Amino acid sequence: IFLMFELLQVTLQMGLSDDQINKASTNLLPVVGDLIFPHPWGDI
């Protein structure tokens, strides 16, 4: 889980601004899913 947390935290910071992360709040990964995959695949 340490490796997973670090890799994804770095990735999220590379691709999202602080404002985007704050607006997503507790729904962050679904927001990321919609950003990187075409609908409806972001639902994963």
All heavy atoms as atom14 arrays in JSON, in Angstrom:
{
  "sequence": "IFLMFELLQVTLQMGLSDDQINKASTNLLPVVGDLIFPHPWGDI",
  "atom14_mask": [
    [1, 1, 1, 1, 1, 1, 1, 1, 0, 0, 0, 0, 0, 0],
    [1, 1, 1, 1, 1, 1, 1, 1, 1, 1, 1, 0, 0, 0],
    [1, 1, 1, 1, 1, 1, 1, 1, 0, 0, 0, 0, 0, 0],
    [1, 1, 1, 1, 1, 1, 1, 1, 0, 0, 0, 0, 0, 0],
    [1, 1, 1, 1, 1, 1, 1, 1, 1, 1, 1, 0, 0, 0],
    [1, 1, 1, 1, 1, 1, 1, 1, 1, 0, 0, 0, 0, 0],
    [1, 1, 1, 1, 1, 1, 1, 1, 0, 0, 0, 0, 0, 0],
    [1, 1, 1, 1, 1, 1, 1, 1, 0, 0, 0, 0, 0, 0],
    [1, 1, 1, 1, 1, 1, 1, 1, 1, 0, 0, 0, 0, 0],
    [1, 1, 1, 1, 1, 1, 1, 0, 0, 0, 0, 0, 0, 0],
    [1, 1, 1, 1, 1, 1, 1, 0, 0, 0, 0, 0, 0, 0],
    [1, 1, 1, 1, 1, 1, 1, 1, 0, 0, 0, 0, 0, 0],
    [1, 1, 1, 1, 1, 1, 1, 1, 1, 0, 0, 0, 0, 0],
    [1, 1, 1, 1, 1, 1, 1, 1, 0, 0, 0, 0, 0, 0],
    [1, 1, 1, 1, 0, 0, 0, 0, 0, 0, 0, 0, 0, 0],
    [1, 1, 1, 1, 1, 1, 1, 1, 0, 0, 0, 0, 0, 0],
    [1, 1, 1, 1, 1, 1, 0, 0, 0, 0, 0, 0, 0, 0],
    [1, 1, 1, 1, 1, 1, 1, 1, 0, 0, 0, 0, 0, 0],
    [1, 1, 1, 1, 1, 1, 1, 1, 0, 0, 0, 0, 0, 0],
    [1, 1, 1, 1, 1, 1, 1, 1, 1, 0, 0, 0, 0, 0],
    [1, 1, 1, 1, 1, 1, 1, 1, 0, 0, 0, 0, 0, 0],
    [1, 1, 1, 1, 1, 1, 1, 1, 0, 0, 0, 0, 0, 0],
    [1, 1, 1, 1, 1, 1, 1, 1, 1, 0, 0, 0, 0, 0],
    [1, 1, 1, 1, 1, 0, 0, 0, 0, 0, 0, 0, 0, 0],
    [1, 1, 1, 1, 1, 1, 0, 0, 0, 0, 0, 0, 0, 0],
    [1, 1, 1, 1, 1, 1, 1, 0, 0, 0, 0, 0, 0, 0],
    [1, 1, 1, 1, 1, 1, 1, 1, 0, 0, 0, 0, 0, 0],
    [1, 1, 1, 1, 1, 1, 1, 1, 0, 0, 0, 0, 0, 0],
    [1, 1, 1, 1, 1, 1, 1, 1, 0, 0, 0, 0, 0, 0],
    [1, 1, 1, 1, 1, 1, 1, 0, 0, 0, 0, 0, 0, 0],
    [1, 1, 1, 1, 1, 1, 1, 0, 0, 0, 0, 0, 0, 0],
    [1, 1, 1, 1, 1, 1, 1, 0, 0, 0, 0, 0, 0, 0],
    [1, 1, 1, 1, 0, 0, 0, 0, 0, 0, 0, 0, 0, 0],
    [1, 1, 1, 1, 1, 1, 1, 1, 0, 0, 0, 0, 0, 0],
    [1, 1, 1, 1, 1, 1, 1, 1, 0, 0, 0, 0, 0, 0],
    [1, 1, 1, 1, 1, 1, 1, 1, 0, 0, 0, 0, 0, 0],
    [1, 1, 1, 1, 1, 1, 1, 1, 1, 1, 1, 0, 0, 0],
    [1, 1, 1, 1, 1, 1, 1, 0, 0, 0, 0, 0, 0, 0],
    [1, 1, 1, 1, 1, 1, 1, 1, 1, 1, 0, 0, 0, 0],
    [1, 1, 1, 1, 1, 1, 1, 0, 0, 0, 0, 0, 0, 0],
    [1, 1, 1, 1, 1, 1, 1, 1, 1, 1, 1, 1, 1, 1],
    [1, 1, 1, 1, 0, 0, 0, 0, 0, 0, 0, 0, 0, 0],
    [1, 1, 1, 1, 1, 1, 1, 1, 0, 0, 0, 0, 0, 0],
    [1, 1, 1, 1, 1, 1, 1, 1, 0, 0, 0, 0, 0, 0]
  ],
  "atom14_positions": [
    [[0.82, -1.21, 0.0], [0.0, 0.0, 0.0], [0.86, 1.26, 0.0], [0.47, 2.29, -0.57], [-0.98, 0.02, 1.19], [-0.24, -0.06, 2.53], [-2.0, -1.1, 1.05], [-1.13, 0.03, 3.73], [0.0, 0.0, 0.0], [0.0, 0.0, 0.0], [0.0, 0.0, 0.0], [0.0, 0.0, 0.0], [0.0, 0.0, 0.0], [0.0, 0.0, 0.0]],
    [[2.05, 1.18, 0.62], [2.97, 2.33, 0.58], [3.34, 2.66, -0.86], [3.29, 3.82, -1.29], [4.22, 2.03, 1.4], [5.37, 2.95, 1.12], [5.3, 4.29, 1.45], [6.53, 2.47, 0.51], [6.37, 5.15, 1.17], [7.58, 3.31, 0.23], [7.51, 4.66, 0.57], [0.0, 0.0, 0.0], [0.0, 0.0, 0.0], [0.0, 0.0, 0.0]],
    [[3.69, 1.64, -1.64], [4.06, 1.86, -3.04], [2.88, 2.4, -3.85], [3.04, 3.31, -4.67], [4.58, 0.55, -3.65], [5.89, 0.01, -3.06], [6.21, -1.36, -3.65], [7.03, 0.99, -3.31], [0.0, 0.0, 0.0], [0.0, 0.0, 0.0], [0.0, 0.0, 0.0], [0.0, 0.0, 0.0], [0.0, 0.0, 0.0], [0.0, 0.0, 0.0]],
    [[1.69, 1.85, -3.59], [0.51, 2.33, -4.32], [0.19, 3.78, -3.97], [-0.09, 4.6, -4.85], [-0.69, 1.43, -4.01], [-0.66, 0.08, -4.7], [-2.22, -0.83, -4.53], [-2.18, -1.28, -2.8], [0.0, 0.0, 0.0], [0.0, 0.0, 0.0], [0.0, 0.0, 0.0], [0.0, 0.0, 0.0], [0.0, 0.0, 0.0], [0.0, 0.0, 0.0]],
    [[0.22, 4.09, -2.67], [-0.09, 5.46, -2.24], [0.88, 6.47, -2.84], [0.48, 7.52, -3.33], [-0.04, 5.55, -0.72], [-1.26, 4.96, -0.02], [-1.18, 4.56, 1.3], [-2.46, 4.82, -0.68], [-2.29, 4.03, 1.94], [-3.58, 4.3, -0.05], [-3.49, 3.9, 1.27], [0.0, 0.0, 0.0], [0.0, 0.0, 0.0], [0.0, 0.0, 0.0]],
    [[2.16, 6.16, -2.78], [3.18, 7.1, -3.27], [3.02, 7.33, -4.78], [3.04, 8.48, -5.25], [4.58, 6.58, -2.97], [5.01, 6.75, -1.53], [5.28, 8.21, -1.16], [5.01, 9.12, -1.98], [5.76, 8.44, -0.04], [0.0, 0.0, 0.0], [0.0, 0.0, 0.0], [0.0, 0.0, 0.0], [0.0, 0.0, 0.0], [0.0, 0.0, 0.0]],
    [[2.9, 6.25, -5.54], [2.83, 6.37, -6.99], [1.61, 7.18, -7.42], [1.72, 8.09, -8.27], [2.8, 4.99, -7.64], [2.78, 4.96, -9.17], [3.98, 5.69, -9.74], [2.75, 3.52, -9.68], [0.0, 0.0, 0.0], [0.0, 0.0, 0.0], [0.0, 0.0, 0.0], [0.0, 0.0, 0.0], [0.0, 0.0, 0.0], [0.0, 0.0, 0.0]],
    [[0.46, 6.88, -6.83], [-0.74, 7.58, -7.26], [-0.76, 9.02, -6.75], [-1.25, 9.92, -7.44], [-1.99, 6.84, -6.79], [-3.28, 7.26, -7.52], [-3.12, 7.14, -9.03], [-4.47, 6.44, -7.05], [0.0, 0.0, 0.0], [0.0, 0.0, 0.0], [0.0, 0.0, 0.0], [0.0, 0.0, 0.0], [0.0, 0.0, 0.0], [0.0, 0.0, 0.0]],
    [[-0.22, 9.27, -5.55], [-0.17, 10.64, -5.05], [0.68, 11.52, -5.96], [0.3, 12.64, -6.29], [0.41, 10.66, -3.63], [0.42, 12.03, -2.97], [-0.95, 12.53, -2.61], [-1.85, 11.75, -2.34], [-1.14, 13.84, -2.6], [0.0, 0.0, 0.0], [0.0, 0.0, 0.0], [0.0, 0.0, 0.0], [0.0, 0.0, 0.0], [0.0, 0.0, 0.0]],
    [[1.83, 10.99, -6.37], [2.69, 11.73, -7.3], [1.97, 11.97, -8.62], [2.0, 13.08, -9.19], [4.01, 10.96, -7.54], [4.77, 11.55, -8.71], [4.88, 11.0, -6.28], [0.0, 0.0, 0.0], [0.0, 0.0, 0.0], [0.0, 0.0, 0.0], [0.0, 0.0, 0.0], [0.0, 0.0, 0.0], [0.0, 0.0, 0.0], [0.0, 0.0, 0.0]],
    [[1.31, 10.94, -9.12], [0.6, 11.05, -10.4], [-0.51, 12.1, -10.33], [-0.67, 12.91, -11.26], [-0.01, 9.68, -10.78], [1.03, 8.7, -10.84], [-0.69, 9.75, -12.14], [0.0, 0.0, 0.0], [0.0, 0.0, 0.0], [0.0, 0.0, 0.0], [0.0, 0.0, 0.0], [0.0, 0.0, 0.0], [0.0, 0.0, 0.0], [0.0, 0.0, 0.0]],
    [[-1.28, 12.08, -9.25], [-2.38, 13.04, -9.1], [-1.86, 14.47, -9.04], [-2.46, 15.39, -9.62], [-3.19, 12.72, -7.84], [-3.99, 11.41, -7.86], [-4.65, 11.16, -6.5], [-5.05, 11.43, -8.96], [0.0, 0.0, 0.0], [0.0, 0.0, 0.0], [0.0, 0.0, 0.0], [0.0, 0.0, 0.0], [0.0, 0.0, 0.0], [0.0, 0.0, 0.0]],
    [[-0.74, 14.66, -8.34], [-0.17, 16.01, -8.25], [0.38, 16.49, -9.58], [0.37, 17.69, -9.87], [0.93, 16.04, -7.19], [0.4, 15.94, -5.78], [1.44, 16.18, -4.72], [1.14, 16.1, -3.55], [2.66, 16.5, -5.09], [0.0, 0.0, 0.0], [0.0, 0.0, 0.0], [0.0, 0.0, 0.0], [0.0, 0.0, 0.0], [0.0, 0.0, 0.0]],
    [[0.87, 15.57, -10.4], [1.36, 15.96, -11.72], [0.22, 16.44, -12.61], [0.4, 17.35, -13.42], [2.08, 14.78, -12.37], [3.43, 14.46, -11.76], [4.15, 12.95, -12.48], [4.35, 13.44, -14.2], [0.0, 0.0, 0.0], [0.0, 0.0, 0.0], [0.0, 0.0, 0.0], [0.0, 0.0, 0.0], [0.0, 0.0, 0.0], [0.0, 0.0, 0.0]],
    [[-0.96, 15.82, -12.49], [-2.03, 16.08, -13.44], [-3.13, 17.0, -12.98], [-3.91, 17.48, -13.81], [0.0, 0.0, 0.0], [0.0, 0.0, 0.0], [0.0, 0.0, 0.0], [0.0, 0.0, 0.0], [0.0, 0.0, 0.0], [0.0, 0.0, 0.0], [0.0, 0.0, 0.0], [0.0, 0.0, 0.0], [0.0, 0.0, 0.0], [0.0, 0.0, 0.0]],
    [[-3.22, 17.29, -11.67], [-4.32, 18.1, -11.16], [-3.79, 19.3, -10.37], [-2.79, 19.18, -9.66], [-5.23, 17.27, -10.25], [-5.9, 16.04, -10.87], [-6.65, 15.27, -9.8], [-6.83, 16.43, -12.0], [0.0, 0.0, 0.0], [0.0, 0.0, 0.0], [0.0, 0.0, 0.0], [0.0, 0.0, 0.0], [0.0, 0.0, 0.0], [0.0, 0.0, 0.0]],
    [[-4.47, 20.4, -10.49], [-4.11, 21.57, -9.67], [-4.69, 21.4, -8.27], [-5.59, 20.57, -8.06], [-4.68, 22.84, -10.3], [-6.1, 22.83, -10.25], [0.0, 0.0, 0.0], [0.0, 0.0, 0.0], [0.0, 0.0, 0.0], [0.0, 0.0, 0.0], [0.0, 0.0, 0.0], [0.0, 0.0, 0.0], [0.0, 0.0, 0.0], [0.0, 0.0, 0.0]],
    [[-4.18, 22.17, -7.33], [-4.71, 22.12, -5.97], [-6.21, 22.44, -5.97], [-6.98, 21.84, -5.21], [-3.97, 23.13, -5.07], [-2.53, 22.72, -4.81], [-2.13, 21.65, -5.32], [-1.82, 23.46, -4.11], [0.0, 0.0, 0.0], [0.0, 0.0, 0.0], [0.0, 0.0, 0.0], [0.0, 0.0, 0.0], [0.0, 0.0, 0.0], [0.0, 0.0, 0.0]],
    [[-6.6, 23.37, -6.83], [-8.01, 23.77, -6.89], [-8.88, 22.62, -7.38], [-9.97, 22.38, -6.84], [-8.16, 24.97, -7.81], [-9.57, 25.54, -7.77], [-10.06, 25.85, -6.67], [-10.2, 25.67, -8.84], [0.0, 0.0, 0.0], [0.0, 0.0, 0.0], [0.0, 0.0, 0.0], [0.0, 0.0, 0.0], [0.0, 0.0, 0.0], [0.0, 0.0, 0.0]],
    [[-8.41, 21.88, -8.38], [-9.17, 20.73, -8.89], [-9.31, 19.66, -7.82], [-10.38, 19.06, -7.65], [-8.47, 20.13, -10.11], [-8.62, 20.93, -11.39], [-7.84, 20.31, -12.53], [-6.61, 20.25, -12.49], [-8.55, 19.86, -13.56], [0.0, 0.0, 0.0], [0.0, 0.0, 0.0], [0.0, 0.0, 0.0], [0.0, 0.0, 0.0], [0.0, 0.0, 0.0]],
    [[-8.23, 19.42, -7.06], [-8.27, 18.41, -6.0], [-9.23, 18.83, -4.9], [-10.03, 18.03, -4.41], [-6.85, 18.17, -5.43], [-5.98, 17.49, -6.48], [-6.92, 17.31, -4.17], [-4.52, 17.34, -6.09], [0.0, 0.0, 0.0], [0.0, 0.0, 0.0], [0.0, 0.0, 0.0], [0.0, 0.0, 0.0], [0.0, 0.0, 0.0], [0.0, 0.0, 0.0]],
    [[-9.18, 20.09, -4.52], [-10.07, 20.58, -3.46], [-11.53, 20.54, -3.89], [-12.41, 20.21, -3.09], [-9.67, 22.01, -3.06], [-8.37, 22.05, -2.3], [-8.01, 21.09, -1.61], [-7.63, 23.15, -2.43], [0.0, 0.0, 0.0], [0.0, 0.0, 0.0], [0.0, 0.0, 0.0], [0.0, 0.0, 0.0], [0.0, 0.0, 0.0], [0.0, 0.0, 0.0]],
    [[-11.81, 20.87, -5.13], [-13.2, 20.83, -5.62], [-13.73, 19.4, -5.68], [-14.9, 19.14, -5.41], [-13.29, 21.48, -7.0], [-13.24, 23.0, -6.98], [-13.39, 23.58, -8.38], [-13.39, 25.11, -8.33], [-13.49, 25.72, -9.69], [0.0, 0.0, 0.0], [0.0, 0.0, 0.0], [0.0, 0.0, 0.0], [0.0, 0.0, 0.0], [0.0, 0.0, 0.0]],
    [[-12.86, 18.46, -6.04], [-13.28, 17.05, -6.09], [-13.56, 16.53, -4.69], [-14.38, 15.63, -4.51], [-12.2, 16.21, -6.76], [0.0, 0.0, 0.0], [0.0, 0.0, 0.0], [0.0, 0.0, 0.0], [0.0, 0.0, 0.0], [0.0, 0.0, 0.0], [0.0, 0.0, 0.0], [0.0, 0.0, 0.0], [0.0, 0.0, 0.0], [0.0, 0.0, 0.0]],
    [[-12.86, 17.07, -3.7], [-13.05, 16.71, -2.29], [-12.92, 15.2, -2.11], [-11.95, 14.6, -2.55], [-14.4, 17.24, -1.8], [-14.55, 17.04, -0.42], [0.0, 0.0, 0.0], [0.0, 0.0, 0.0], [0.0, 0.0, 0.0], [0.0, 0.0, 0.0], [0.0, 0.0, 0.0], [0.0, 0.0, 0.0], [0.0, 0.0, 0.0], [0.0, 0.0, 0.0]],
    [[-13.92, 14.57, -1.47], [-13.85, 13.13, -1.17], [-14.24, 12.27, -2.37], [-14.28, 11.04, -2.25], [-14.76, 12.8, 0.02], [-16.1, 13.17, -0.3], [-14.32, 13.53, 1.27], [0.0, 0.0, 0.0], [0.0, 0.0, 0.0], [0.0, 0.0, 0.0], [0.0, 0.0, 0.0], [0.0, 0.0, 0.0], [0.0, 0.0, 0.0], [0.0, 0.0, 0.0]],
    [[-14.51, 12.89, -3.5], [-14.91, 12.15, -4.7], [-13.81, 12.19, -5.75], [-14.07, 12.16, -6.95], [-16.2, 12.77, -5.27], [-16.96, 11.82, -6.16], [-17.04, 10.63, -5.88], [-17.5, 12.33, -7.25], [0.0, 0.0, 0.0], [0.0, 0.0, 0.0], [0.0, 0.0, 0.0], [0.0, 0.0, 0.0], [0.0, 0.0, 0.0], [0.0, 0.0, 0.0]],
    [[-12.54, 12.21, -5.29], [-11.42, 12.5, -6.18], [-11.23, 11.47, -7.29], [-11.11, 11.81, -8.47], [-10.13, 12.64, -5.37], [-8.87, 12.98, -6.18], [-9.04, 14.32, -6.88], [-7.65, 12.99, -5.28], [0.0, 0.0, 0.0], [0.0, 0.0, 0.0], [0.0, 0.0, 0.0], [0.0, 0.0, 0.0], [0.0, 0.0, 0.0], [0.0, 0.0, 0.0]],
    [[-11.15, 10.19, -6.95], [-10.84, 9.18, -7.96], [-11.92, 9.06, -9.04], [-11.57, 8.89, -10.23], [-10.57, 7.83, -7.31], [-9.2, 7.68, -6.66], [-8.95, 6.25, -6.23], [-8.07, 8.14, -7.57], [0.0, 0.0, 0.0], [0.0, 0.0, 0.0], [0.0, 0.0, 0.0], [0.0, 0.0, 0.0], [0.0, 0.0, 0.0], [0.0, 0.0, 0.0]],
    [[-13.2, 9.13, -8.71], [-14.2, 9.17, -9.8], [-14.0, 10.35, -10.74], [-14.2, 10.22, -11.95], [-15.53, 9.28, -9.04], [-15.28, 8.56, -7.75], [-13.86, 8.93, -7.4], [0.0, 0.0, 0.0], [0.0, 0.0, 0.0], [0.0, 0.0, 0.0], [0.0, 0.0, 0.0], [0.0, 0.0, 0.0], [0.0, 0.0, 0.0], [0.0, 0.0, 0.0]],
    [[-13.61, 11.5, -10.21], [-13.32, 12.67, -11.04], [-12.13, 12.37, -11.96], [-12.15, 12.68, -13.16], [-13.03, 13.92, -10.18], [-12.5, 15.06, -11.04], [-14.3, 14.35, -9.45], [0.0, 0.0, 0.0], [0.0, 0.0, 0.0], [0.0, 0.0, 0.0], [0.0, 0.0, 0.0], [0.0, 0.0, 0.0], [0.0, 0.0, 0.0], [0.0, 0.0, 0.0]],
    [[-11.09, 11.76, -11.41], [-9.91, 11.39, -12.2], [-10.29, 10.38, -13.28], [-9.83, 10.47, -14.43], [-8.8, 10.82, -11.3], [-7.65, 10.26, -12.13], [-8.29, 11.9, -10.35], [0.0, 0.0, 0.0], [0.0, 0.0, 0.0], [0.0, 0.0, 0.0], [0.0, 0.0, 0.0], [0.0, 0.0, 0.0], [0.0, 0.0, 0.0], [0.0, 0.0, 0.0]],
    [[-11.13, 9.4, -12.92], [-11.58, 8.41, -13.88], [-12.26, 9.04, -15.08], [-12.01, 8.65, -16.23], [0.0, 0.0, 0.0], [0.0, 0.0, 0.0], [0.0, 0.0, 0.0], [0.0, 0.0, 0.0], [0.0, 0.0, 0.0], [0.0, 0.0, 0.0], [0.0, 0.0, 0.0], [0.0, 0.0, 0.0], [0.0, 0.0, 0.0], [0.0, 0.0, 0.0]],
    [[-13.1, 10.04, -14.83], [-13.79, 10.73, -15.93], [-12.82, 11.56, -16.78], [-13.06, 11.76, -17.98], [-14.88, 11.65, -15.37], [-16.07, 10.86, -14.83], [-16.27, 9.71, -15.29], [-16.79, 11.38, -13.95], [0.0, 0.0, 0.0], [0.0, 0.0, 0.0], [0.0, 0.0, 0.0], [0.0, 0.0, 0.0], [0.0, 0.0, 0.0], [0.0, 0.0, 0.0]],
    [[-11.73, 12.03, -16.16], [-10.75, 12.82, -16.89], [-9.9, 11.98, -17.84], [-9.54, 12.43, -18.93], [-9.83, 13.56, -15.92], [-10.37, 14.81, -15.23], [-9.36, 15.32, -14.21], [-10.66, 15.91, -16.27], [0.0, 0.0, 0.0], [0.0, 0.0, 0.0], [0.0, 0.0, 0.0], [0.0, 0.0, 0.0], [0.0, 0.0, 0.0], [0.0, 0.0, 0.0]],
    [[-9.57, 10.79, -17.44], [-8.6, 10.0, -18.21], [-9.23, 8.95, -19.12], [-8.58, 8.45, -20.03], [-7.57, 9.33, -17.29], [-8.24, 8.35, -16.33], [-6.78, 10.38, -16.53], [-7.28, 7.62, -15.42], [0.0, 0.0, 0.0], [0.0, 0.0, 0.0], [0.0, 0.0, 0.0], [0.0, 0.0, 0.0], [0.0, 0.0, 0.0], [0.0, 0.0, 0.0]],
    [[-10.5, 8.6, -18.87], [-11.15, 7.58, -19.7], [-12.42, 8.14, -20.34], [-13.14, 8.91, -19.71], [-11.52, 6.34, -18.87], [-10.34, 5.64, -18.26], [-10.23, 5.51, -16.88], [-9.35, 5.09, -19.06], [-9.16, 4.86, -16.31], [-8.26, 4.45, -18.5], [-8.16, 4.33, -17.12], [0.0, 0.0, 0.0], [0.0, 0.0, 0.0], [0.0, 0.0, 0.0]],
    [[-12.74, 7.74, -21.57], [-13.98, 8.18, -22.2], [-15.19, 7.55, -21.51], [-15.11, 6.46, -20.95], [-13.84, 7.68, -23.65], [-12.91, 6.52, -23.56], [-11.94, 6.85, -22.45], [0.0, 0.0, 0.0], [0.0, 0.0, 0.0], [0.0, 0.0, 0.0], [0.0, 0.0, 0.0], [0.0, 0.0, 0.0], [0.0, 0.0, 0.0], [0.0, 0.0, 0.0]],
    [[-16.31, 8.24, -21.53], [-17.54, 7.73, -20.94], [-17.98, 6.46, -21.66], [-17.9, 6.4, -22.89], [-18.64, 8.79, -21.04], [-19.92, 8.4, -20.38], [-20.07, 8.44, -19.0], [-21.1, 7.94, -20.88], [-21.29, 8.04, -18.69], [-21.93, 7.73, -19.83], [0.0, 0.0, 0.0], [0.0, 0.0, 0.0], [0.0, 0.0, 0.0], [0.0, 0.0, 0.0]],
    [[-18.42, 5.4, -20.98], [-18.66, 5.31, -19.53], [-17.52, 4.65, -18.76], [-17.7, 4.23, -17.62], [-19.91, 4.42, -19.49], [-19.67, 3.44, -20.61], [-18.95, 4.22, -21.7], [0.0, 0.0, 0.0], [0.0, 0.0, 0.0], [0.0, 0.0, 0.0], [0.0, 0.0, 0.0], [0.0, 0.0, 0.0], [0.0, 0.0, 0.0], [0.0, 0.0, 0.0]],
    [[-16.33, 4.51, -19.4], [-15.24, 3.75, -18.77], [-14.71, 4.42, -17.51], [-14.1, 3.79, -16.66], [-14.11, 3.54, -19.79], [-14.57, 2.73, -20.96], [-14.84, 3.17, -22.22], [-14.87, 1.33, -20.95], [-15.28, 2.13, -23.01], [-15.31, 0.98, -22.26], [-14.8, 0.33, -19.98], [-15.68, -0.3, -22.61], [-15.17, -0.96, -20.33], [-15.59, -1.27, -21.62]],
    [[-14.96, 5.72, -17.36], [-14.55, 6.4, -16.15], [-15.25, 5.87, -14.91], [-14.79, 6.07, -13.78], [0.0, 0.0, 0.0], [0.0, 0.0, 0.0], [0.0, 0.0, 0.0], [0.0, 0.0, 0.0], [0.0, 0.0, 0.0], [0.0, 0.0, 0.0], [0.0, 0.0, 0.0], [0.0, 0.0, 0.0], [0.0, 0.0, 0.0], [0.0, 0.0, 0.0]],
    [[-16.36, 5.16, -15.13], [-17.11, 4.6, -13.99], [-16.34, 3.51, -13.25], [-16.75, 3.11, -12.15], [-18.46, 4.04, -14.46], [-19.46, 5.15, -14.79], [-19.18, 6.31, -14.45], [-20.51, 4.84, -15.4], [0.0, 0.0, 0.0], [0.0, 0.0, 0.0], [0.0, 0.0, 0.0], [0.0, 0.0, 0.0], [0.0, 0.0, 0.0], [0.0, 0.0, 0.0]],
    [[-15.26, 3.02, -13.85], [-14.49, 1.99, -13.13], [-13.93, 2.56, -11.83], [-13.73, 1.82, -10.86], [-13.35, 1.39, -13.98], [-12.26, 2.43, -14.29], [-13.86, 0.74, -15.23], [-11.0, 1.81, -14.84], [0.0, 0.0, 0.0], [0.0, 0.0, 0.0], [0.0, 0.0, 0.0], [0.0, 0.0, 0.0], [0.0, 0.0, 0.0], [0.0, 0.0, 0.0]]
  ]
}
